[in-house]
C-alpha atoms as a PDB file:
ATOM      1  CA  UNK A   1       0.110  -0.004   0.000  1.00  0.00           C
ATOM      2  CA  UNK A   2       1.130   3.635  -0.481  1.00  0.00           C
ATOM      3  CA  UNK A   3       2.725   5.621  -3.403  1.00  0.00           C
ATOM      4  CA  UNK A   4       5.141   3.955  -5.914  1.00  0.00           C
ATOM      5  CA  UNK A   5       7.271   5.625  -8.220  1.00  0.00           C
ATOM      6  CA  UNK A   6       7.251   4.253 -11.983  1.00  0.00           C
ATOM      7  CA  UNK A   7      10.039   5.534 -14.125  1.00  0.00           C
ATOM      8  CA  UNK A   8      10.370   5.611 -17.832  1.00  0.00           C
ATOM      9  CA  UNK A   9      13.947   5.885 -18.986  1.00  0.00           C
ATOM     10  CA  UNK A  10      14.307   6.966 -22.717  1.00  0.00           C
ATOM     11  CA  UNK A  11      17.653   5.702 -23.769  1.00  0.00           C
ATOM     12  CA  UNK A  12      18.249   6.647 -27.309  1.00  0.00           C
ATOM     13  CA  UNK A  13      16.852  10.027 -28.241  1.00  0.00           C
ATOM     14  CA  UNK A  14      17.915  11.277 -31.728  1.00  0.00           C
ATOM     15  CA  UNK A  15      17.266  14.649 -33.367  1.00  0.00           C
ATOM     16  CA  UNK A  16      18.007  15.508 -37.168  1.00  0.00           C
ATOM     17  CA  UNK A  17      17.127  19.275 -36.948  1.00  0.00           C
ATOM     18  CA  UNK A  18      13.350  19.110 -37.875  1.00  0.00           C
ATOM     19  CA  UNK A  19      10.142  17.722 -36.456  1.00  0.00           C
ATOM     20  CA  UNK A  20      10.274  15.094 -39.101  1.00  0.00           C
ATOM     21  CA  UNK A  21      13.580  13.898 -38.120  1.00  0.00           C
ATOM     22  CA  UNK A  22      13.062  13.547 -34.263  1.00  0.00           C
ATOM     23  CA  UNK A  23      12.797  10.541 -32.136  1.00  0.00           C
ATOM     24  CA  UNK A  24      10.588  11.134 -29.103  1.00  0.00           C
ATOM     25  CA  UNK A  25       8.683   8.707 -26.681  1.00  0.00           C
ATOM     26  CA  UNK A  26       5.385   9.586 -25.134  1.00  0.00           C
ATOM     27  CA  UNK A  27       3.331   8.009 -22.220  1.00  0.00           C
ATOM     28  CA  UNK A  28      -0.068   8.510 -23.586  1.00  0.00           C
ATOM     29  CA  UNK A  29      -1.922   7.019 -20.422  1.00  0.00           C
ATOM     30  CA  UNK A  30      -1.374   5.129 -17.294  1.00  0.00           C
ATOM     31  CA  UNK A  31      -3.723   3.242 -15.265  1.00  0.00           C
ATOM     32  CA  UNK A  32      -3.325   1.226 -11.925  1.00  0.00           C
ATOM     33  CA  UNK A  33      -5.932  -1.049 -10.589  1.00  0.00           C
ATOM     34  CA  UNK A  34      -8.170   0.183 -13.377  1.00  0.00           C
ATOM     35  CA  UNK A  35      -8.061   3.941 -12.208  1.00  0.00           C
ATOM     36  CA  UNK A  36      -6.416   6.649 -14.292  1.00  0.00           C
ATOM     37  CA  UNK A  37      -2.938   7.811 -12.848  1.00  0.00           C
ATOM     38  CA  UNK A  38      -2.921  11.459 -11.970  1.00  0.00           C
ATOM     39  CA  UNK A  39      -0.314  13.093 -14.378  1.00  0.00           C
ATOM     40  CA  UNK A  40      -0.171   9.897 -16.179  1.00  0.00           C
ATOM     41  CA  UNK A  41       0.848  11.532 -19.549  1.00  0.00           C
ATOM     42  CA  UNK A  42       4.546  12.435 -20.312  1.00  0.00           C
ATOM     43  CA  UNK A  43       6.429  13.643 -23.220  1.00  0.00           C
ATOM     44  CA  UNK A  44      10.032  12.437 -23.239  1.00  0.00           C
ATOM     45  CA  UNK A  45      11.800  14.631 -25.844  1.00  0.00           C
ATOM     46  CA  UNK A  46      15.247  13.871 -24.828  1.00  0.00           C
ATOM     47  CA  UNK A  47      17.140  10.916 -22.991  1.00  0.00           C
ATOM     48  CA  UNK A  48      16.577  10.471 -19.486  1.00  0.00           C
ATOM     49  CA  UNK A  49      13.999   9.314 -17.021  1.00  0.00           C
ATOM     50  CA  UNK A  50      10.723  10.793 -16.013  1.00  0.00           C
ATOM     51  CA  UNK A  51       8.427   9.383 -13.359  1.00  0.00           C
ATOM     52  CA  UNK A  52       4.702   8.870 -12.579  1.00  0.00           C
ATOM     53  CA  UNK A  53       3.442   8.138  -9.063  1.00  0.00           C
ATOM     54  CA  UNK A  54       0.738   5.507  -8.541  1.00  0.00           C
ATOM     55  CA  UNK A  55      -1.198   5.051  -5.345  1.00  0.00           C
ATOM     56  CA  UNK A  56      -2.097   1.734  -4.016  1.00  0.00           C
ATOM     57  CA  UNK A  57      -4.739   1.437  -1.524  1.00  0.00           C
ATOM     58  CA  UNK A  58      -4.640  -2.335  -1.312  1.00  0.00           C
ATOM     59  CA  UNK A  59      -3.633  -3.736   2.209  1.00  0.00           C
ATOM     60  CA  UNK A  60      -0.592  -5.751   2.245  1.00  0.00           C
ATOM     61  CA  UNK A  61      -1.043  -9.395   3.175  1.00  0.00           C
ATOM     62  CA  UNK A  62       0.326 -10.569   6.529  1.00  0.00           C
ATOM     63  CA  UNK A  63       3.522 -12.470   6.171  1.00  0.00           C
ATOM     64  CA  UNK A  64       3.389 -16.200   5.906  1.00  0.00           C
ATOM     65  CA  UNK A  65       4.317 -17.465   9.367  1.00  0.00           C
ATOM     66  CA  UNK A  66       6.416 -20.281   7.933  1.00  0.00           C
ATOM     67  CA  UNK A  67       8.792 -17.681   6.373  1.00  0.00           C
ATOM     68  CA  UNK A  68      11.513 -16.314   8.841  1.00  0.00           C
ATOM     69  CA  UNK A  69      12.024 -12.598   8.833  1.00  0.00           C
ATOM     70  CA  UNK A  70      13.268 -11.012   6.698  1.00  0.00           C
ATOM     71  CA  UNK A  71      11.989 -12.428   3.622  1.00  0.00           C
ATOM     72  CA  UNK A  72      11.999 -11.580  -0.063  1.00  0.00           C
ATOM     73  CA  UNK A  73       9.229 -11.420  -2.631  1.00  0.00           C
ATOM     74  CA  UNK A  74      10.217 -11.538  -6.223  1.00  0.00           C
ATOM     75  CA  UNK A  75       7.170 -10.040  -7.947  1.00  0.00           C
ATOM     76  CA  UNK A  76       3.800  -9.296  -6.471  1.00  0.00           C
ATOM     77  CA  UNK A  77       0.676 -10.812  -5.519  1.00  0.00           C
ATOM     78  CA  UNK A  78      -2.956  -9.773  -6.055  1.00  0.00           C
ATOM     79  CA  UNK A  79      -5.109  -8.472  -8.930  1.00  0.00           C
ATOM     80  CA  UNK A  80      -3.823  -5.071  -9.297  1.00  0.00           C
ATOM     81  CA  UNK A  81      -2.544  -4.215 -12.750  1.00  0.00           C
ATOM     82  CA  UNK A  82      -0.335  -1.357 -14.083  1.00  0.00           C
ATOM     83  CA  UNK A  83      -1.067  -0.532 -17.785  1.00  0.00           C
ATOM     84  CA  UNK A  84       1.119   1.856 -19.551  1.00  0.00           C
ATOM     85  CA  UNK A  85       0.347   3.074 -22.943  1.00  0.00           C
ATOM     86  CA  UNK A  86       3.249   4.191 -24.842  1.00  0.00           C
ATOM     87  CA  UNK A  87       3.859   5.681 -28.434  1.00  0.00           C
ATOM     88  CA  UNK A  88       6.794   7.149 -30.281  1.00  0.00           C
ATOM     89  CA  UNK A  89       8.319   9.269 -33.160  1.00  0.00           C
ATOM     90  CA  UNK A  90      10.648   7.046 -35.155  1.00  0.00           C
ATOM     91  CA  UNK A  91      13.724   8.575 -36.562  1.00  0.00           C
ATOM     92  CA  UNK A  92      16.656   6.262 -37.540  1.00  0.00           C
ATOM     93  CA  UNK A  93      15.123   3.540 -35.559  1.00  0.00           C
ATOM     94  CA  UNK A  94      12.623   2.860 -32.775  1.00  0.00           C
ATOM     95  CA  UNK A  95      13.135   4.416 -29.469  1.00  0.00           C
ATOM     96  CA  UNK A  96      14.627   2.089 -26.552  1.00  0.00           C
ATOM     97  CA  UNK A  97      13.407   2.560 -22.945  1.00  0.00           C
ATOM     98  CA  UNK A  98      13.220   0.746 -19.626  1.00  0.00           C
ATOM     99  CA  UNK A  99      10.359   0.977 -17.342  1.00  0.00           C
ATOM    100  CA  UNK A 100      11.586   0.035 -13.734  1.00  0.00           C
ATOM    101  CA  UNK A 101       8.805  -0.050 -11.117  1.00  0.00           C
ATOM    102  CA  UNK A 102       9.334  -0.044  -7.307  1.00  0.00           C
ATOM    103  CA  UNK A 103      13.150  -0.096  -8.015  1.00  0.00           C
ATOM    104  CA  UNK A 104      12.929  -3.367 -10.237  1.00  0.00           C
END
């Protein structure tokens, strides 16, 4: 539960001097648990990272008593879904990007 940062890191911006010769990346929309994310639209016009914040109101499950603390979870559980709709301008190739969520 709580706020979580989702980063979109644009790796390979390119600009050839005009709008027709420019590579950009856009986050057109973001939803989390079927709800629109506030500020869920981004224009990445140069290399680097931008972030959106998603708010999760789902209560965390109690840790299983058979796992000694501390324990590590790889991935999540539950029915929450993060959906990002991404588009781009292509110039000399498609944009490359990473989307780490919750530091992973």
